[in-house]
């Protein structure tokens, strides 16, 4: 087994983010079009493409591969880009130019990429597939960041009860998208605990939300 690495199943959950470089494959939802690249924190990279990355990308088809060094990850990326040159495709129109990486999109290459990944796993490299599990763990680890995000919006816009509607591309729109991610991936912090925030989110959410539990003692008799 190359490099003394031990074999770890493809479905393993990540143990760390910082200090690790990942090769990522992010397929677009509902089409055979994917982004190939490397990142120290793939969640931040996904958010650069869309604040609603969990809808833009297919988290059940995406995956990550852990590299020991940045140089190793870059070698993988370069090798794959050469092998998949015939699959090169333009970036989707919805991807903002500021996200960069416009030359690293491929079409019709998901099977080839999965085969290459499995070969690396057979050598003992750590893969995270499907990507949904890794993203969920990453969001759970970032619970304090969400609290800071909410507090920053309170400092900017005042009490939650007086917040305006969430508009895409605005600070409150981004917060709405973060809260929607927590709902879809079941990572909403238990201690977020603001009735006003929950009410604001229900007015603005773009995903189905759980029903509100009736107040004890007020159930219909």
N, C-alpha and C. Protein backbone atom coordinates (compact mmCIF):
# COMPACT_ATOMS: atom_id res chain seq x y z
N UNK A 1 0.86 -1.20 0.00
CA UNK A 1 0.00 0.00 0.00
C UNK A 1 0.89 1.23 0.00
N UNK A 2 0.75 2.08 -0.99
CA UNK A 2 1.64 3.21 -1.19
C UNK A 2 1.63 4.17 -0.02
N UNK A 3 2.86 4.61 0.40
CA UNK A 3 2.97 5.66 1.40
C UNK A 3 2.59 5.23 2.81
N UNK A 4 2.32 3.91 3.02
CA UNK A 4 1.98 3.45 4.35
C UNK A 4 0.59 3.87 4.80
N UNK A 5 -0.23 4.34 3.89
CA UNK A 5 -1.58 4.76 4.27
C UNK A 5 -2.47 3.54 4.44
N UNK A 6 -3.39 3.61 5.38
CA UNK A 6 -4.31 2.50 5.57
C UNK A 6 -5.59 2.76 4.78
N UNK A 7 -6.23 1.70 4.36
CA UNK A 7 -7.45 1.80 3.58
C UNK A 7 -8.59 2.27 4.46
N UNK A 8 -9.29 3.31 4.02
CA UNK A 8 -10.44 3.85 4.75
C UNK A 8 -11.62 3.86 3.80
N UNK A 9 -12.80 3.37 4.21
CA UNK A 9 -13.95 3.29 3.30
C UNK A 9 -14.30 4.64 2.70
N UNK A 10 -14.87 4.59 1.48
CA UNK A 10 -15.24 5.82 0.77
C UNK A 10 -16.23 6.63 1.57
N UNK A 11 -17.09 6.00 2.34
CA UNK A 11 -18.12 6.74 3.06
C UNK A 11 -17.68 7.35 4.37
N UNK A 12 -16.39 7.34 4.68
CA UNK A 12 -15.94 7.87 5.97
C UNK A 12 -16.20 9.35 6.09
N UNK A 13 -16.37 9.80 7.34
CA UNK A 13 -16.63 11.21 7.62
C UNK A 13 -15.32 11.90 7.98
N UNK A 14 -15.16 13.11 7.53
CA UNK A 14 -13.92 13.85 7.76
C UNK A 14 -13.65 14.08 9.23
N UNK A 15 -12.40 14.10 9.59
CA UNK A 15 -12.01 14.32 10.98
C UNK A 15 -11.50 15.73 11.18
N UNK A 16 -11.21 16.44 10.11
CA UNK A 16 -10.62 17.76 10.24
C UNK A 16 -10.88 18.53 8.95
N UNK A 17 -10.71 19.84 9.01
CA UNK A 17 -10.77 20.69 7.82
C UNK A 17 -9.46 21.43 7.71
N UNK A 18 -9.13 22.18 8.75
CA UNK A 18 -7.93 22.99 8.70
C UNK A 18 -6.70 22.11 8.74
N UNK A 19 -5.71 22.42 7.90
CA UNK A 19 -4.51 21.62 7.78
C UNK A 19 -4.64 20.54 6.73
N UNK A 20 -5.80 20.41 6.12
CA UNK A 20 -6.03 19.42 5.08
C UNK A 20 -6.36 20.14 3.77
N UNK A 21 -5.86 19.60 2.68
CA UNK A 21 -6.26 20.08 1.35
C UNK A 21 -7.07 18.99 0.68
N UNK A 22 -8.16 19.37 0.05
CA UNK A 22 -9.05 18.41 -0.58
C UNK A 22 -9.09 18.62 -2.09
N UNK A 23 -9.15 17.54 -2.83
CA UNK A 23 -9.61 17.59 -4.21
C UNK A 23 -11.11 17.42 -4.15
N UNK A 24 -11.86 18.28 -4.82
CA UNK A 24 -13.32 18.16 -4.77
C UNK A 24 -13.90 17.97 -6.17
N UNK A 25 -15.01 17.24 -6.21
CA UNK A 25 -15.82 17.09 -7.42
C UNK A 25 -17.24 17.47 -7.03
N UNK A 26 -17.76 18.53 -7.65
CA UNK A 26 -19.07 19.08 -7.31
C UNK A 26 -19.98 19.02 -8.53
N UNK A 27 -20.79 17.96 -8.65
CA UNK A 27 -21.72 17.89 -9.78
C UNK A 27 -22.88 18.86 -9.60
N UNK A 28 -23.29 19.49 -10.67
CA UNK A 28 -24.47 20.34 -10.62
C UNK A 28 -25.71 19.47 -10.47
N UNK A 29 -26.71 19.98 -9.79
CA UNK A 29 -27.96 19.24 -9.61
C UNK A 29 -28.67 19.10 -10.95
N UNK A 30 -29.16 17.91 -11.22
CA UNK A 30 -30.01 17.63 -12.38
C UNK A 30 -29.30 17.76 -13.72
N UNK A 31 -27.97 17.71 -13.75
CA UNK A 31 -27.26 17.68 -15.03
C UNK A 31 -25.88 17.08 -14.84
N UNK A 32 -25.32 16.56 -15.93
CA UNK A 32 -24.03 15.90 -15.89
C UNK A 32 -22.91 16.91 -16.13
N UNK A 33 -22.79 17.85 -15.23
CA UNK A 33 -21.87 18.98 -15.34
C UNK A 33 -21.26 19.14 -13.95
N UNK A 34 -19.93 19.18 -13.84
CA UNK A 34 -19.31 19.18 -12.52
C UNK A 34 -18.12 20.12 -12.47
N UNK A 35 -17.85 20.60 -11.26
CA UNK A 35 -16.68 21.44 -10.99
C UNK A 35 -15.61 20.58 -10.34
N UNK A 36 -14.41 20.65 -10.87
CA UNK A 36 -13.25 19.94 -10.34
C UNK A 36 -12.27 20.97 -9.80
N UNK A 37 -11.74 20.75 -8.60
CA UNK A 37 -10.78 21.71 -8.07
C UNK A 37 -10.21 21.25 -6.75
N UNK A 38 -9.44 22.12 -6.09
CA UNK A 38 -8.87 21.83 -4.78
C UNK A 38 -9.19 22.99 -3.84
N UNK A 39 -9.28 22.68 -2.55
CA UNK A 39 -9.60 23.71 -1.56
C UNK A 39 -9.20 23.24 -0.18
N UNK A 40 -8.88 24.19 0.68
CA UNK A 40 -8.63 23.87 2.08
C UNK A 40 -9.92 23.66 2.84
N UNK A 41 -10.97 24.39 2.46
CA UNK A 41 -12.30 24.23 3.06
C UNK A 41 -13.32 24.19 1.93
N UNK A 42 -13.71 23.01 1.47
CA UNK A 42 -14.64 22.90 0.35
C UNK A 42 -15.99 23.58 0.59
N UNK A 43 -16.44 23.69 1.85
CA UNK A 43 -17.71 24.36 2.10
C UNK A 43 -17.63 25.82 1.69
N UNK A 44 -16.55 26.49 2.07
CA UNK A 44 -16.37 27.89 1.67
C UNK A 44 -16.32 28.00 0.15
N UNK A 45 -15.68 27.04 -0.49
CA UNK A 45 -15.60 27.06 -1.96
C UNK A 45 -16.98 26.91 -2.58
N UNK A 46 -17.79 26.00 -2.07
CA UNK A 46 -19.14 25.82 -2.59
C UNK A 46 -19.97 27.08 -2.42
N UNK A 47 -19.83 27.72 -1.27
CA UNK A 47 -20.60 28.94 -1.01
C UNK A 47 -20.20 30.06 -1.95
N UNK A 48 -18.95 30.04 -2.45
CA UNK A 48 -18.53 31.06 -3.41
C UNK A 48 -19.27 30.91 -4.73
N UNK A 49 -19.64 29.69 -5.08
CA UNK A 49 -20.38 29.46 -6.32
C UNK A 49 -21.86 29.80 -6.15
N UNK A 50 -22.41 29.52 -4.98
CA UNK A 50 -23.82 29.83 -4.73
C UNK A 50 -24.08 29.76 -3.23
N UNK A 51 -24.77 30.77 -2.69
CA UNK A 51 -25.12 30.71 -1.27
C UNK A 51 -26.15 29.61 -1.01
N UNK A 52 -26.79 29.12 -2.08
CA UNK A 52 -27.69 27.97 -1.98
C UNK A 52 -27.02 26.77 -2.65
N UNK A 53 -25.78 26.53 -2.27
CA UNK A 53 -24.96 25.46 -2.84
C UNK A 53 -25.62 24.10 -2.71
N UNK A 54 -26.42 23.91 -1.66
CA UNK A 54 -27.08 22.63 -1.39
C UNK A 54 -28.18 22.36 -2.40
N UNK A 55 -28.61 23.35 -3.16
CA UNK A 55 -29.55 23.16 -4.25
C UNK A 55 -28.83 23.21 -5.60
N UNK A 56 -27.80 24.04 -5.70
CA UNK A 56 -27.06 24.19 -6.95
C UNK A 56 -26.26 22.93 -7.27
N UNK A 57 -25.63 22.34 -6.24
CA UNK A 57 -24.85 21.12 -6.42
C UNK A 57 -25.62 19.92 -5.89
N UNK A 58 -25.30 18.75 -6.44
CA UNK A 58 -25.88 17.49 -5.99
C UNK A 58 -24.97 16.92 -4.91
N UNK A 59 -25.33 17.13 -3.66
CA UNK A 59 -24.47 16.69 -2.55
C UNK A 59 -24.41 15.18 -2.42
N UNK A 60 -25.36 14.48 -3.03
CA UNK A 60 -25.34 13.02 -2.97
C UNK A 60 -24.44 12.42 -4.04
N UNK A 61 -24.08 13.21 -5.05
CA UNK A 61 -23.19 12.73 -6.11
C UNK A 61 -21.78 13.30 -5.96
N UNK A 62 -21.62 14.38 -5.19
CA UNK A 62 -20.32 14.99 -5.02
C UNK A 62 -19.44 14.23 -4.04
N UNK A 63 -18.15 14.52 -4.08
CA UNK A 63 -17.22 13.85 -3.17
C UNK A 63 -15.93 14.65 -3.01
N UNK A 64 -15.16 14.27 -1.97
CA UNK A 64 -13.87 14.89 -1.67
C UNK A 64 -12.83 13.79 -1.53
N UNK A 65 -11.58 14.15 -1.80
CA UNK A 65 -10.46 13.26 -1.54
C UNK A 65 -9.39 14.05 -0.79
N UNK A 66 -8.97 13.53 0.36
CA UNK A 66 -7.98 14.22 1.18
C UNK A 66 -6.57 14.01 0.63
N UNK A 67 -5.83 15.11 0.52
CA UNK A 67 -4.43 15.05 0.12
C UNK A 67 -3.54 15.34 1.32
N UNK A 68 -2.34 14.77 1.31
CA UNK A 68 -1.41 15.02 2.41
C UNK A 68 -0.81 16.41 2.33
N UNK A 69 -0.69 16.95 1.11
CA UNK A 69 -0.11 18.27 0.91
C UNK A 69 -0.85 19.00 -0.20
N UNK A 70 -0.67 20.31 -0.26
CA UNK A 70 -1.24 21.08 -1.36
C UNK A 70 -0.65 20.62 -2.68
N UNK A 71 0.64 20.33 -2.69
CA UNK A 71 1.30 19.89 -3.93
C UNK A 71 0.68 18.59 -4.43
N UNK A 72 0.37 17.67 -3.52
CA UNK A 72 -0.25 16.41 -3.92
C UNK A 72 -1.62 16.66 -4.54
N UNK A 73 -2.41 17.54 -3.92
CA UNK A 73 -3.73 17.86 -4.46
C UNK A 73 -3.62 18.50 -5.84
N UNK A 74 -2.65 19.39 -6.02
CA UNK A 74 -2.47 20.04 -7.32
C UNK A 74 -2.06 19.03 -8.39
N UNK A 75 -1.25 18.06 -8.01
CA UNK A 75 -0.86 17.02 -8.96
C UNK A 75 -2.07 16.22 -9.41
N UNK A 76 -2.93 15.86 -8.46
CA UNK A 76 -4.17 15.16 -8.81
C UNK A 76 -5.01 15.99 -9.78
N UNK A 77 -5.19 17.25 -9.43
CA UNK A 77 -6.02 18.12 -10.26
C UNK A 77 -5.47 18.23 -11.67
N UNK A 78 -4.17 18.45 -11.78
CA UNK A 78 -3.54 18.58 -13.10
C UNK A 78 -3.67 17.29 -13.90
N UNK A 79 -3.46 16.15 -13.25
CA UNK A 79 -3.59 14.86 -13.92
C UNK A 79 -5.00 14.67 -14.46
N UNK A 80 -6.00 14.96 -13.64
CA UNK A 80 -7.38 14.77 -14.07
C UNK A 80 -7.77 15.73 -15.19
N UNK A 81 -7.32 16.97 -15.11
CA UNK A 81 -7.65 17.92 -16.17
C UNK A 81 -7.07 17.46 -17.51
N UNK A 82 -5.88 16.89 -17.49
CA UNK A 82 -5.29 16.37 -18.73
C UNK A 82 -6.06 15.17 -19.25
N UNK A 83 -6.41 14.26 -18.33
CA UNK A 83 -7.14 13.06 -18.74
C UNK A 83 -8.53 13.38 -19.26
N UNK A 84 -9.13 14.45 -18.73
CA UNK A 84 -10.52 14.78 -19.07
C UNK A 84 -10.62 15.97 -20.01
N UNK A 85 -9.56 16.25 -20.74
CA UNK A 85 -9.56 17.41 -21.62
C UNK A 85 -10.73 17.39 -22.59
N UNK A 86 -11.10 16.20 -23.07
CA UNK A 86 -12.21 16.09 -24.01
C UNK A 86 -13.55 16.40 -23.36
N UNK A 87 -13.59 16.41 -22.03
CA UNK A 87 -14.84 16.69 -21.30
C UNK A 87 -14.92 18.13 -20.81
N UNK A 88 -13.93 18.95 -21.14
CA UNK A 88 -13.93 20.34 -20.67
C UNK A 88 -15.20 21.05 -21.13
N UNK A 89 -15.76 21.87 -20.22
CA UNK A 89 -17.02 22.56 -20.51
C UNK A 89 -16.98 23.95 -19.90
N UNK A 90 -17.78 24.87 -20.45
CA UNK A 90 -17.85 26.21 -19.84
C UNK A 90 -18.55 26.16 -18.50
N UNK A 91 -18.28 27.15 -17.67
CA UNK A 91 -18.96 27.24 -16.38
C UNK A 91 -20.44 27.56 -16.59
N UNK A 92 -21.32 27.08 -15.73
CA UNK A 92 -22.74 27.44 -15.83
C UNK A 92 -22.93 28.95 -15.76
N UNK A 93 -23.93 29.44 -16.44
CA UNK A 93 -24.17 30.88 -16.50
C UNK A 93 -24.47 31.46 -15.12
N UNK A 94 -25.03 30.65 -14.22
CA UNK A 94 -25.40 31.16 -12.90
C UNK A 94 -24.22 31.32 -11.96
N UNK A 95 -23.06 30.82 -12.33
CA UNK A 95 -21.88 30.94 -11.46
C UNK A 95 -21.32 32.34 -11.57
N UNK A 96 -21.18 33.07 -10.46
CA UNK A 96 -20.65 34.43 -10.52
C UNK A 96 -19.18 34.44 -10.94
N UNK A 97 -18.79 35.43 -11.71
CA UNK A 97 -17.41 35.53 -12.18
C UNK A 97 -16.42 35.61 -11.03
N UNK A 98 -16.84 36.24 -9.92
CA UNK A 98 -15.93 36.40 -8.79
C UNK A 98 -15.54 35.07 -8.15
N UNK A 99 -16.30 34.00 -8.43
CA UNK A 99 -15.98 32.69 -7.85
C UNK A 99 -14.73 32.10 -8.46
N UNK A 100 -14.36 32.53 -9.68
CA UNK A 100 -13.16 32.02 -10.33
C UNK A 100 -13.32 30.58 -10.78
N UNK A 101 -12.19 29.96 -11.17
CA UNK A 101 -12.21 28.55 -11.56
C UNK A 101 -13.04 28.24 -12.78
N UNK A 102 -13.15 29.16 -13.71
CA UNK A 102 -14.05 28.97 -14.84
C UNK A 102 -13.51 27.97 -15.87
N UNK A 103 -12.26 27.56 -15.74
CA UNK A 103 -11.70 26.60 -16.69
C UNK A 103 -11.67 25.19 -16.13
N UNK A 104 -12.32 24.96 -15.01
CA UNK A 104 -12.22 23.66 -14.33
C UNK A 104 -13.57 22.96 -14.24
N UNK A 105 -14.39 23.14 -15.26
CA UNK A 105 -15.68 22.46 -15.33
C UNK A 105 -15.62 21.37 -16.39
N UNK A 106 -16.31 20.26 -16.11
CA UNK A 106 -16.33 19.14 -17.05
C UNK A 106 -17.77 18.66 -17.22
N UNK A 107 -18.00 18.03 -18.35
CA UNK A 107 -19.32 17.47 -18.63
C UNK A 107 -19.15 16.02 -19.09
N UNK A 108 -20.04 15.14 -18.59
CA UNK A 108 -20.00 13.74 -18.99
C UNK A 108 -18.82 12.97 -18.43
N UNK A 109 -18.27 13.42 -17.30
CA UNK A 109 -17.05 12.79 -16.77
C UNK A 109 -17.24 12.17 -15.39
N UNK A 110 -18.46 12.11 -14.88
CA UNK A 110 -18.66 11.65 -13.51
C UNK A 110 -18.23 10.21 -13.30
N UNK A 111 -18.49 9.34 -14.26
CA UNK A 111 -18.10 7.93 -14.12
C UNK A 111 -16.58 7.79 -14.10
N UNK A 112 -15.91 8.52 -14.99
CA UNK A 112 -14.45 8.47 -15.03
C UNK A 112 -13.85 9.00 -13.74
N UNK A 113 -14.42 10.07 -13.22
CA UNK A 113 -13.93 10.65 -11.97
C UNK A 113 -14.14 9.68 -10.80
N UNK A 114 -15.29 9.03 -10.76
CA UNK A 114 -15.56 8.08 -9.68
C UNK A 114 -14.60 6.89 -9.75
N UNK A 115 -14.29 6.44 -10.96
CA UNK A 115 -13.34 5.34 -11.11
C UNK A 115 -11.95 5.73 -10.63
N UNK A 116 -11.54 6.95 -10.97
CA UNK A 116 -10.23 7.44 -10.51
C UNK A 116 -10.21 7.54 -8.99
N UNK A 117 -11.29 8.08 -8.40
CA UNK A 117 -11.38 8.18 -6.94
C UNK A 117 -11.26 6.83 -6.28
N UNK A 118 -11.98 5.84 -6.80
CA UNK A 118 -11.95 4.51 -6.19
C UNK A 118 -10.54 3.92 -6.24
N UNK A 119 -9.80 4.23 -7.29
CA UNK A 119 -8.42 3.74 -7.39
C UNK A 119 -7.55 4.37 -6.31
N UNK A 120 -7.80 5.64 -6.00
CA UNK A 120 -7.04 6.30 -4.93
C UNK A 120 -7.41 5.73 -3.57
N UNK A 121 -8.68 5.45 -3.36
CA UNK A 121 -9.12 4.86 -2.09
C UNK A 121 -8.48 3.49 -1.90
N UNK A 122 -8.34 2.73 -3.00
CA UNK A 122 -7.71 1.42 -2.91
C UNK A 122 -6.25 1.52 -2.47
N UNK A 123 -5.66 2.70 -2.68
CA UNK A 123 -4.28 2.93 -2.23
C UNK A 123 -4.22 3.46 -0.80
N UNK A 124 -5.39 3.72 -0.20
CA UNK A 124 -5.42 4.15 1.18
C UNK A 124 -5.75 5.61 1.41
N UNK A 125 -6.04 6.36 0.35
CA UNK A 125 -6.42 7.76 0.54
C UNK A 125 -7.84 7.85 1.08
N UNK A 126 -8.12 8.94 1.78
CA UNK A 126 -9.42 9.13 2.43
C UNK A 126 -10.37 9.89 1.51
N UNK A 127 -11.49 9.27 1.18
CA UNK A 127 -12.51 9.92 0.37
C UNK A 127 -13.76 10.14 1.21
N UNK A 128 -14.50 11.17 0.90
CA UNK A 128 -15.77 11.47 1.57
C UNK A 128 -16.85 11.48 0.49
N UNK A 129 -17.62 10.40 0.45
CA UNK A 129 -18.65 10.26 -0.57
C UNK A 129 -19.79 9.43 0.01
N UNK A 130 -21.01 9.91 -0.11
CA UNK A 130 -21.39 11.17 -0.76
C UNK A 130 -20.97 12.40 0.06
N UNK A 131 -20.94 13.52 -0.59
CA UNK A 131 -20.49 14.77 0.03
C UNK A 131 -21.43 15.25 1.12
N UNK A 132 -22.70 14.87 1.05
CA UNK A 132 -23.70 15.35 2.01
C UNK A 132 -23.26 15.10 3.45
N UNK A 133 -22.72 13.93 3.74
CA UNK A 133 -22.31 13.62 5.10
C UNK A 133 -21.22 14.54 5.60
N UNK A 134 -20.24 14.83 4.74
CA UNK A 134 -19.15 15.73 5.14
C UNK A 134 -19.68 17.14 5.37
N UNK A 135 -20.55 17.62 4.49
CA UNK A 135 -21.11 18.97 4.64
C UNK A 135 -21.90 19.07 5.93
N UNK A 136 -22.67 18.05 6.24
CA UNK A 136 -23.46 18.07 7.48
C UNK A 136 -22.54 18.18 8.70
N UNK A 137 -21.48 17.39 8.72
CA UNK A 137 -20.55 17.47 9.85
C UNK A 137 -19.88 18.84 9.91
N UNK A 138 -19.57 19.39 8.77
CA UNK A 138 -18.93 20.72 8.72
C UNK A 138 -19.87 21.78 9.29
N UNK A 139 -21.17 21.70 8.96
CA UNK A 139 -22.14 22.66 9.48
C UNK A 139 -22.33 22.49 10.98
N UNK A 140 -22.33 21.26 11.45
CA UNK A 140 -22.45 21.02 12.89
C UNK A 140 -21.28 21.64 13.64
N UNK A 141 -20.10 21.56 13.05
CA UNK A 141 -18.92 22.15 13.68
C UNK A 141 -18.96 23.67 13.68
N UNK A 142 -19.77 24.24 12.77
CA UNK A 142 -19.79 25.70 12.60
C UNK A 142 -20.98 26.35 13.30
N UNK A 143 -21.56 25.68 14.31
CA UNK A 143 -22.72 26.23 14.99
C UNK A 143 -22.46 27.60 15.59
N UNK A 144 -21.27 27.79 16.16
CA UNK A 144 -20.94 29.10 16.76
C UNK A 144 -20.85 30.18 15.70
N UNK A 145 -20.41 29.81 14.50
CA UNK A 145 -20.33 30.79 13.42
C UNK A 145 -21.72 31.32 13.07
N UNK A 146 -22.73 30.44 13.10
CA UNK A 146 -24.09 30.88 12.81
C UNK A 146 -24.58 31.86 13.87
N UNK A 147 -24.27 31.60 15.11
CA UNK A 147 -24.66 32.53 16.18
C UNK A 147 -24.03 33.90 15.97
N UNK A 148 -22.76 33.92 15.59
CA UNK A 148 -22.08 35.19 15.32
C UNK A 148 -22.72 35.89 14.11
N UNK A 149 -23.12 35.10 13.12
CA UNK A 149 -23.76 35.65 11.92
C UNK A 149 -25.07 36.35 12.30
N UNK A 150 -25.87 35.68 13.11
CA UNK A 150 -27.14 36.26 13.55
C UNK A 150 -26.89 37.54 14.34
N UNK A 151 -25.91 37.49 15.25
CA UNK A 151 -25.62 38.67 16.07
C UNK A 151 -25.16 39.84 15.21
N UNK A 152 -24.38 39.55 14.17
CA UNK A 152 -23.93 40.62 13.27
C UNK A 152 -25.12 41.27 12.56
N UNK A 153 -26.12 40.46 12.20
CA UNK A 153 -27.31 41.02 11.54
C UNK A 153 -28.13 41.85 12.53
N UNK A 154 -28.17 41.43 13.79
CA UNK A 154 -28.88 42.22 14.82
C UNK A 154 -28.19 43.57 14.98
N UNK A 155 -26.88 43.56 15.01
CA UNK A 155 -26.14 44.82 15.16
C UNK A 155 -26.35 45.74 13.95
N UNK A 156 -26.57 45.14 12.80
CA UNK A 156 -26.73 45.95 11.58
C UNK A 156 -28.16 46.40 11.35
N UNK A 157 -29.13 45.50 11.61
CA UNK A 157 -30.52 45.79 11.26
C UNK A 157 -31.43 45.98 12.47
N UNK A 158 -30.90 45.80 13.68
CA UNK A 158 -31.73 45.94 14.86
C UNK A 158 -32.40 44.64 15.26
N UNK A 159 -33.42 44.74 16.10
CA UNK A 159 -34.12 43.56 16.60
C UNK A 159 -34.68 42.73 15.45
N UNK A 160 -34.63 41.41 15.61
CA UNK A 160 -35.07 40.50 14.54
C UNK A 160 -36.51 40.77 14.14
N UNK A 161 -37.35 41.13 15.09
CA UNK A 161 -38.77 41.37 14.81
C UNK A 161 -38.98 42.46 13.77
N UNK A 162 -37.98 43.32 13.57
CA UNK A 162 -38.11 44.44 12.64
C UNK A 162 -37.28 44.26 11.36
N UNK A 163 -36.74 43.06 11.18
CA UNK A 163 -35.94 42.83 9.97
C UNK A 163 -36.81 42.89 8.72
N UNK A 164 -36.29 43.43 7.62
CA UNK A 164 -37.02 43.42 6.35
C UNK A 164 -36.96 42.02 5.73
N UNK A 165 -37.70 41.79 4.65
CA UNK A 165 -37.65 40.49 3.98
C UNK A 165 -36.24 40.18 3.45
N UNK A 166 -35.96 38.89 3.34
CA UNK A 166 -34.68 38.45 2.77
C UNK A 166 -34.72 38.58 1.26
N UNK A 167 -33.77 39.29 0.70
CA UNK A 167 -33.67 39.48 -0.75
C UNK A 167 -32.39 38.79 -1.21
N UNK A 168 -32.44 37.98 -2.27
CA UNK A 168 -31.22 37.31 -2.75
C UNK A 168 -30.08 38.29 -2.98
N UNK A 169 -28.89 37.90 -2.53
CA UNK A 169 -27.72 38.73 -2.74
C UNK A 169 -27.47 39.76 -1.67
N UNK A 170 -28.38 39.89 -0.70
CA UNK A 170 -28.22 40.84 0.40
C UNK A 170 -27.75 40.09 1.65
N UNK A 171 -27.25 40.80 2.67
CA UNK A 171 -26.82 40.10 3.89
C UNK A 171 -27.91 39.23 4.52
N UNK A 172 -29.14 39.73 4.55
CA UNK A 172 -30.22 38.92 5.12
C UNK A 172 -30.58 37.77 4.20
N UNK A 173 -30.42 37.96 2.90
CA UNK A 173 -30.64 36.87 1.97
C UNK A 173 -29.65 35.74 2.19
N UNK A 174 -28.39 36.10 2.44
CA UNK A 174 -27.37 35.10 2.72
C UNK A 174 -27.68 34.36 4.01
N UNK A 175 -28.12 35.09 5.05
CA UNK A 175 -28.48 34.44 6.31
C UNK A 175 -29.64 33.48 6.09
N UNK A 176 -30.65 33.91 5.34
CA UNK A 176 -31.77 33.00 5.03
C UNK A 176 -31.26 31.72 4.38
N UNK A 177 -30.32 31.85 3.44
CA UNK A 177 -29.79 30.67 2.76
C UNK A 177 -29.03 29.76 3.72
N UNK A 178 -28.31 30.34 4.67
CA UNK A 178 -27.61 29.55 5.68
C UNK A 178 -28.60 28.79 6.56
N UNK A 179 -29.66 29.47 6.97
CA UNK A 179 -30.67 28.81 7.80
C UNK A 179 -31.38 27.71 7.03
N UNK A 180 -31.64 27.93 5.75
CA UNK A 180 -32.25 26.89 4.92
C UNK A 180 -31.35 25.67 4.84
N UNK A 181 -30.03 25.89 4.73
CA UNK A 181 -29.09 24.77 4.71
C UNK A 181 -29.19 23.97 5.99
N UNK A 182 -29.30 24.66 7.12
CA UNK A 182 -29.41 23.98 8.41
C UNK A 182 -30.68 23.13 8.49
N UNK A 183 -31.75 23.62 7.88
CA UNK A 183 -33.00 22.85 7.88
C UNK A 183 -32.85 21.60 7.01
N UNK A 184 -32.36 21.77 5.79
CA UNK A 184 -32.26 20.65 4.87
C UNK A 184 -31.29 19.58 5.35
N UNK A 185 -30.21 20.01 6.00
CA UNK A 185 -29.19 19.06 6.45
C UNK A 185 -29.32 18.71 7.93
N UNK A 186 -30.39 19.22 8.56
CA UNK A 186 -30.71 18.89 9.95
C UNK A 186 -29.56 19.24 10.89
N UNK A 187 -29.10 20.48 10.79
CA UNK A 187 -27.98 20.94 11.63
C UNK A 187 -28.31 22.22 12.39
N UNK A 188 -29.59 22.56 12.50
CA UNK A 188 -29.95 23.79 13.19
C UNK A 188 -29.54 23.70 14.66
N UNK A 189 -28.73 24.64 15.16
CA UNK A 189 -28.30 24.58 16.56
C UNK A 189 -29.49 24.67 17.52
N UNK A 190 -29.49 23.83 18.55
CA UNK A 190 -30.58 23.85 19.52
C UNK A 190 -30.57 25.13 20.35
N UNK A 191 -29.39 25.72 20.51
CA UNK A 191 -29.28 26.88 21.39
C UNK A 191 -29.39 28.20 20.63
N UNK A 192 -29.82 28.15 19.34
CA UNK A 192 -30.00 29.41 18.61
C UNK A 192 -31.14 30.19 19.26
N UNK A 193 -32.22 29.46 19.56
CA UNK A 193 -33.26 29.86 20.50
C UNK A 193 -33.85 31.24 20.43
N UNK A 194 -34.24 31.74 19.28
CA UNK A 194 -34.92 33.03 19.21
C UNK A 194 -36.25 32.83 18.48
N UNK A 195 -37.35 33.04 19.19
CA UNK A 195 -38.66 32.87 18.55
C UNK A 195 -38.81 33.85 17.39
N UNK A 196 -38.28 35.06 17.55
CA UNK A 196 -38.39 36.06 16.48
C UNK A 196 -37.61 35.62 15.24
N UNK A 197 -36.44 35.01 15.45
CA UNK A 197 -35.64 34.53 14.32
C UNK A 197 -36.37 33.40 13.60
N UNK A 198 -36.97 32.50 14.36
CA UNK A 198 -37.72 31.41 13.75
C UNK A 198 -38.89 31.96 12.94
N UNK A 199 -39.59 32.95 13.47
CA UNK A 199 -40.72 33.54 12.75
C UNK A 199 -40.26 34.23 11.48
N UNK A 200 -39.15 34.97 11.56
CA UNK A 200 -38.61 35.64 10.37
C UNK A 200 -38.21 34.62 9.32
N UNK A 201 -37.57 33.54 9.75
CA UNK A 201 -37.15 32.50 8.81
C UNK A 201 -38.35 31.85 8.15
N UNK A 202 -39.42 31.61 8.90
CA UNK A 202 -40.61 31.00 8.32
C UNK A 202 -41.24 31.91 7.26
N UNK A 203 -41.14 33.21 7.44
CA UNK A 203 -41.70 34.13 6.45
C UNK A 203 -40.84 34.19 5.19
N UNK A 204 -39.57 33.84 5.30
CA UNK A 204 -38.64 34.05 4.20
C UNK A 204 -38.01 32.79 3.62
N UNK A 205 -38.21 31.66 4.26
CA UNK A 205 -37.53 30.44 3.86
C UNK A 205 -37.89 30.01 2.44
N UNK A 206 -36.90 29.40 1.78
CA UNK A 206 -37.14 28.85 0.45
C UNK A 206 -37.28 27.34 0.47
N UNK A 207 -37.36 26.74 1.65
CA UNK A 207 -37.51 25.29 1.78
C UNK A 207 -38.65 25.01 2.75
N UNK A 208 -39.26 23.82 2.66
CA UNK A 208 -40.32 23.47 3.63
C UNK A 208 -39.74 23.38 5.03
N UNK A 209 -40.41 23.97 6.00
CA UNK A 209 -39.95 23.95 7.38
C UNK A 209 -40.83 23.03 8.22
N UNK A 210 -40.26 22.46 9.28
CA UNK A 210 -41.06 21.61 10.16
C UNK A 210 -42.22 22.39 10.76
N UNK A 211 -43.30 21.69 11.01
CA UNK A 211 -44.46 22.35 11.62
C UNK A 211 -44.11 22.83 13.02
N UNK A 212 -44.72 23.94 13.41
CA UNK A 212 -44.50 24.49 14.74
C UNK A 212 -45.24 23.63 15.76
N UNK A 213 -44.53 23.21 16.81
CA UNK A 213 -45.18 22.42 17.85
C UNK A 213 -46.15 23.30 18.63
N UNK A 214 -47.34 22.79 18.94
CA UNK A 214 -48.30 23.60 19.70
C UNK A 214 -47.79 23.92 21.09
N UNK A 215 -48.13 25.08 21.59
CA UNK A 215 -47.74 25.47 22.94
C UNK A 215 -48.45 24.57 23.95
N UNK A 216 -47.72 24.00 24.91
CA UNK A 216 -48.36 23.12 25.90
C UNK A 216 -49.55 23.80 26.56
N UNK A 217 -50.64 23.06 26.65
CA UNK A 217 -51.82 23.58 27.31
C UNK A 217 -52.76 24.33 26.39
N UNK A 218 -52.30 24.59 25.12
CA UNK A 218 -53.14 25.32 24.19
C UNK A 218 -53.64 24.44 23.05
N UNK A 219 -53.39 23.12 23.13
CA UNK A 219 -53.85 22.24 22.07
C UNK A 219 -55.37 22.28 21.99
N UNK A 220 -55.85 22.07 20.75
CA UNK A 220 -57.30 22.03 20.55
C UNK A 220 -57.87 20.83 21.29
N UNK A 221 -58.94 21.06 22.06
CA UNK A 221 -59.55 19.98 22.84
C UNK A 221 -60.79 19.47 22.11
